[in-house]
Amino acid sequence: MKKIQVSAKMKIHHDKLEEFKQMAIECIRQVKEKDRGTLQYDWFLSGEDECEIRETYESSEAALAHQSNVKKPLQMLFEKFGTPTSVEIYGDPSPELLDNAIQNGIGVRIFRYLQGL
């Protein structure tokens, strides 16, 4: 399985939802402009205090390119709202992709592909 899927969950500070939404819009705008290997980049809200970001990439290399492309807006988002509370990667990520996640101090759970349709 060459594709990489990611699910990241973040908490939203009380009364900061509108600011969070604006930062999400900027991240999505930059992905649309710069990313070539991103197949899915969807942000979901649960109430007003939690967000889940669902991402799918053609490969680990595409995921790394994405991280580079949105580095600045994500840094701003993480500074204001903290890093994701959980990150799961589905697939077989490259050592470079895992190293990048570790360097960013994000705890990651890996689910390697077993079998499917």
C-alpha atoms as a PDB file:
ATOM      1  CA  MET A   1       0.000   0.000   0.000  1.00  0.00           C
ATOM      2  CA  LYS A   2       1.786   3.092  -1.245  1.00  0.00           C
ATOM      3  CA  LYS A   3      -0.902   5.567  -0.151  1.00  0.00           C
ATOM      4  CA  ILE A   4      -0.597   7.144   3.268  1.00  0.00           C
ATOM      5  CA  GLN A   5      -3.656   8.114   5.274  1.00  0.00           C
ATOM      6  CA  VAL A   6      -3.459  10.358   8.324  1.00  0.00           C
ATOM      7  CA  SER A   7      -5.954  11.271  11.011  1.00  0.00           C
ATOM      8  CA  ALA A   8      -4.998  14.103  13.375  1.00  0.00           C
ATOM      9  CA  LYS A   9      -7.159  15.396  16.221  1.00  0.00           C
ATOM     10  CA  MET A  10      -6.822  18.809  17.822  1.00  0.00           C
ATOM     11  CA  LYS A  11      -8.505  20.608  20.695  1.00  0.00           C
ATOM     12  CA  ILE A  12      -9.881  24.085  20.094  1.00  0.00           C
ATOM     13  CA  HIS A  13      -9.603  26.580  22.919  1.00  0.00           C
ATOM     14  CA  HIS A  14     -12.879  27.877  24.274  1.00  0.00           C
ATOM     15  CA  ASP A  15     -14.127  30.943  22.359  1.00  0.00           C
ATOM     16  CA  LYS A  16     -11.382  30.610  19.681  1.00  0.00           C
ATOM     17  CA  LEU A  17     -13.416  28.689  17.090  1.00  0.00           C
ATOM     18  CA  GLU A  18     -13.608  31.512  14.544  1.00  0.00           C
ATOM     19  CA  GLU A  19      -9.859  32.139  14.699  1.00  0.00           C
ATOM     20  CA  PHE A  20      -9.280  28.387  14.340  1.00  0.00           C
ATOM     21  CA  LYS A  21     -11.546  28.262  11.268  1.00  0.00           C
ATOM     22  CA  GLN A  22      -9.625  31.107   9.615  1.00  0.00           C
ATOM     23  CA  MET A  23      -6.329  29.315  10.177  1.00  0.00           C
ATOM     24  CA  ALA A  24      -7.811  26.099   8.749  1.00  0.00           C
ATOM     25  CA  ILE A  25      -8.956  28.009   5.650  1.00  0.00           C
ATOM     26  CA  GLU A  26      -5.402  29.292   5.142  1.00  0.00           C
ATOM     27  CA  CYS A  27      -3.949  25.778   5.445  1.00  0.00           C
ATOM     28  CA  ILE A  28      -6.465  24.440   2.918  1.00  0.00           C
ATOM     29  CA  ARG A  29      -5.762  27.335   0.535  1.00  0.00           C
ATOM     30  CA  GLN A  30      -2.048  26.609   0.577  1.00  0.00           C
ATOM     31  CA  VAL A  31      -2.633  22.883   0.041  1.00  0.00           C
ATOM     32  CA  LYS A  32      -4.791  23.645  -3.010  1.00  0.00           C
ATOM     33  CA  GLU A  33      -2.106  25.938  -4.416  1.00  0.00           C
ATOM     34  CA  LYS A  34       1.030  23.939  -3.656  1.00  0.00           C
ATOM     35  CA  ASP A  35       0.353  20.232  -3.104  1.00  0.00           C
ATOM     36  CA  ARG A  36       0.385  17.805  -6.016  1.00  0.00           C
ATOM     37  CA  GLY A  37       0.207  14.444  -4.221  1.00  0.00           C
ATOM     38  CA  THR A  38      -2.505  15.239  -1.692  1.00  0.00           C
ATOM     39  CA  LEU A  39      -5.661  13.264  -2.435  1.00  0.00           C
ATOM     40  CA  GLN A  40      -7.686  14.297   0.632  1.00  0.00           C
ATOM     41  CA  TYR A  41      -7.306  17.150   3.110  1.00  0.00           C
ATOM     42  CA  ASP A  42     -10.574  17.519   5.013  1.00  0.00           C
ATOM     43  CA  TRP A  43     -11.192  19.263   8.324  1.00  0.00           C
ATOM     44  CA  PHE A  44     -14.115  18.151  10.519  1.00  0.00           C
ATOM     45  CA  LEU A  45     -15.506  19.753  13.680  1.00  0.00           C
ATOM     46  CA  SER A  46     -17.048  17.999  16.657  1.00  0.00           C
ATOM     47  CA  GLY A  47     -18.983  20.680  18.447  1.00  0.00           C
ATOM     48  CA  GLU A  48     -16.892  23.774  19.081  1.00  0.00           C
ATOM     49  CA  ASP A  49     -13.932  22.231  20.848  1.00  0.00           C
ATOM     50  CA  GLU A  50     -12.440  19.468  18.696  1.00  0.00           C
ATOM     51  CA  CYS A  51     -11.241  19.118  15.110  1.00  0.00           C
ATOM     52  CA  GLU A  52     -10.205  16.074  13.133  1.00  0.00           C
ATOM     53  CA  ILE A  53      -8.117  16.449   9.992  1.00  0.00           C
ATOM     54  CA  ARG A  54      -8.324  13.549   7.523  1.00  0.00           C
ATOM     55  CA  GLU A  55      -5.532  13.380   4.974  1.00  0.00           C
ATOM     56  CA  THR A  56      -4.625  10.979   2.164  1.00  0.00           C
ATOM     57  CA  TYR A  57      -1.416  11.174   0.152  1.00  0.00           C
ATOM     58  CA  GLU A  58      -0.189   9.295  -2.902  1.00  0.00           C
ATOM     59  CA  SER A  59       2.955   8.302  -0.983  1.00  0.00           C
ATOM     60  CA  SER A  60       5.226   9.141   1.934  1.00  0.00           C
ATOM     61  CA  GLU A  61       7.070  11.533  -0.366  1.00  0.00           C
ATOM     62  CA  ALA A  62       3.814  13.391  -1.083  1.00  0.00           C
ATOM     63  CA  ALA A  63       3.111  13.602   2.671  1.00  0.00           C
ATOM     64  CA  LEU A  64       6.576  15.071   3.255  1.00  0.00           C
ATOM     65  CA  ALA A  65       6.071  17.592   0.447  1.00  0.00           C
ATOM     66  CA  HIS A  66       2.739  18.566   2.019  1.00  0.00           C
ATOM     67  CA  GLN A  67       4.378  19.135   5.402  1.00  0.00           C
ATOM     68  CA  SER A  68       6.938  21.383   3.766  1.00  0.00           C
ATOM     69  CA  ASN A  69       4.285  23.293   1.810  1.00  0.00           C
ATOM     70  CA  VAL A  70       2.147  24.130   4.842  1.00  0.00           C
ATOM     71  CA  LYS A  71       4.903  24.372   7.431  1.00  0.00           C
ATOM     72  CA  LYS A  72       4.406  28.069   8.210  1.00  0.00           C
ATOM     73  CA  PRO A  73       0.590  28.084   8.684  1.00  0.00           C
ATOM     74  CA  LEU A  74       0.736  24.827  10.663  1.00  0.00           C
ATOM     75  CA  GLN A  75       3.419  26.267  12.955  1.00  0.00           C
ATOM     76  CA  MET A  76       1.165  29.255  13.609  1.00  0.00           C
ATOM     77  CA  LEU A  77      -1.795  26.942  14.256  1.00  0.00           C
ATOM     78  CA  PHE A  78       0.223  24.776  16.653  1.00  0.00           C
ATOM     79  CA  GLU A  79       1.565  27.839  18.489  1.00  0.00           C
ATOM     80  CA  LYS A  80      -1.960  29.123  19.106  1.00  0.00           C
ATOM     81  CA  PHE A  81      -3.792  25.847  19.688  1.00  0.00           C
ATOM     82  CA  GLY A  82      -1.131  23.270  20.527  1.00  0.00           C
ATOM     83  CA  THR A  83      -0.024  20.226  18.596  1.00  0.00           C
ATOM     84  CA  PRO A  84      -2.518  17.504  17.724  1.00  0.00           C
ATOM     85  CA  THR A  85      -3.726  15.414  20.646  1.00  0.00           C
ATOM     86  CA  SER A  86      -3.445  12.284  18.519  1.00  0.00           C
ATOM     87  CA  VAL A  87      -2.084  11.317  15.120  1.00  0.00           C
ATOM     88  CA  GLU A  88      -2.626   8.016  13.388  1.00  0.00           C
ATOM     89  CA  ILE A  89      -0.897   7.024  10.171  1.00  0.00           C
ATOM     90  CA  TYR A  90      -2.392   4.252   8.057  1.00  0.00           C
ATOM     91  CA  GLY A  91      -0.132   2.518   5.550  1.00  0.00           C
ATOM     92  CA  ASP A  92       3.595   1.944   5.395  1.00  0.00           C
ATOM     93  CA  PRO A  93       5.246   5.317   6.044  1.00  0.00           C
ATOM     94  CA  SER A  94       8.861   5.838   5.021  1.00  0.00           C
ATOM     95  CA  PRO A  95      11.529   6.232   7.705  1.00  0.00           C
ATOM     96  CA  GLU A  96      11.849   9.909   6.662  1.00  0.00           C
ATOM     97  CA  LEU A  97       8.145  10.541   7.266  1.00  0.00           C
ATOM     98  CA  LEU A  98       8.332   8.910  10.698  1.00  0.00           C
ATOM     99  CA  ASP A  99      11.496  10.838  11.575  1.00  0.00           C
ATOM    100  CA  ASN A 100       9.789  14.086  10.602  1.00  0.00           C
ATOM    101  CA  ALA A 101       6.841  13.318  12.879  1.00  0.00           C
ATOM    102  CA  ILE A 102       9.170  12.472  15.770  1.00  0.00           C
ATOM    103  CA  GLN A 103      11.203  15.672  15.254  1.00  0.00           C
ATOM    104  CA  ASN A 104       7.993  17.673  15.551  1.00  0.00           C
ATOM    105  CA  GLY A 105       7.316  16.071  18.924  1.00  0.00           C
ATOM    106  CA  ILE A 106       4.059  14.517  17.815  1.00  0.00           C
ATOM    107  CA  GLY A 107       3.207  11.089  19.183  1.00  0.00           C
ATOM    108  CA  VAL A 108       2.173   8.885  16.287  1.00  0.00           C
ATOM    109  CA  ARG A 109       0.422   5.520  16.121  1.00  0.00           C
ATOM    110  CA  ILE A 110       1.074   3.478  12.992  1.00  0.00           C
ATOM    111  CA  PHE A 111      -1.477   1.087  11.522  1.00  0.00           C
ATOM    112  CA  ARG A 112       0.158  -1.016   8.819  1.00  0.00           C
ATOM    113  CA  TYR A 113      -2.032  -2.371   6.057  1.00  0.00           C
ATOM    114  CA  LEU A 114      -3.131  -5.964   6.558  1.00  0.00           C
ATOM    115  CA  GLN A 115      -5.745  -6.734   3.939  1.00  0.00           C
ATOM    116  CA  GLY A 116      -8.780  -5.242   2.237  1.00  0.00           C
ATOM    117  CA  LEU A 117     -10.626  -4.734  -1.015  1.00  0.00           C
END
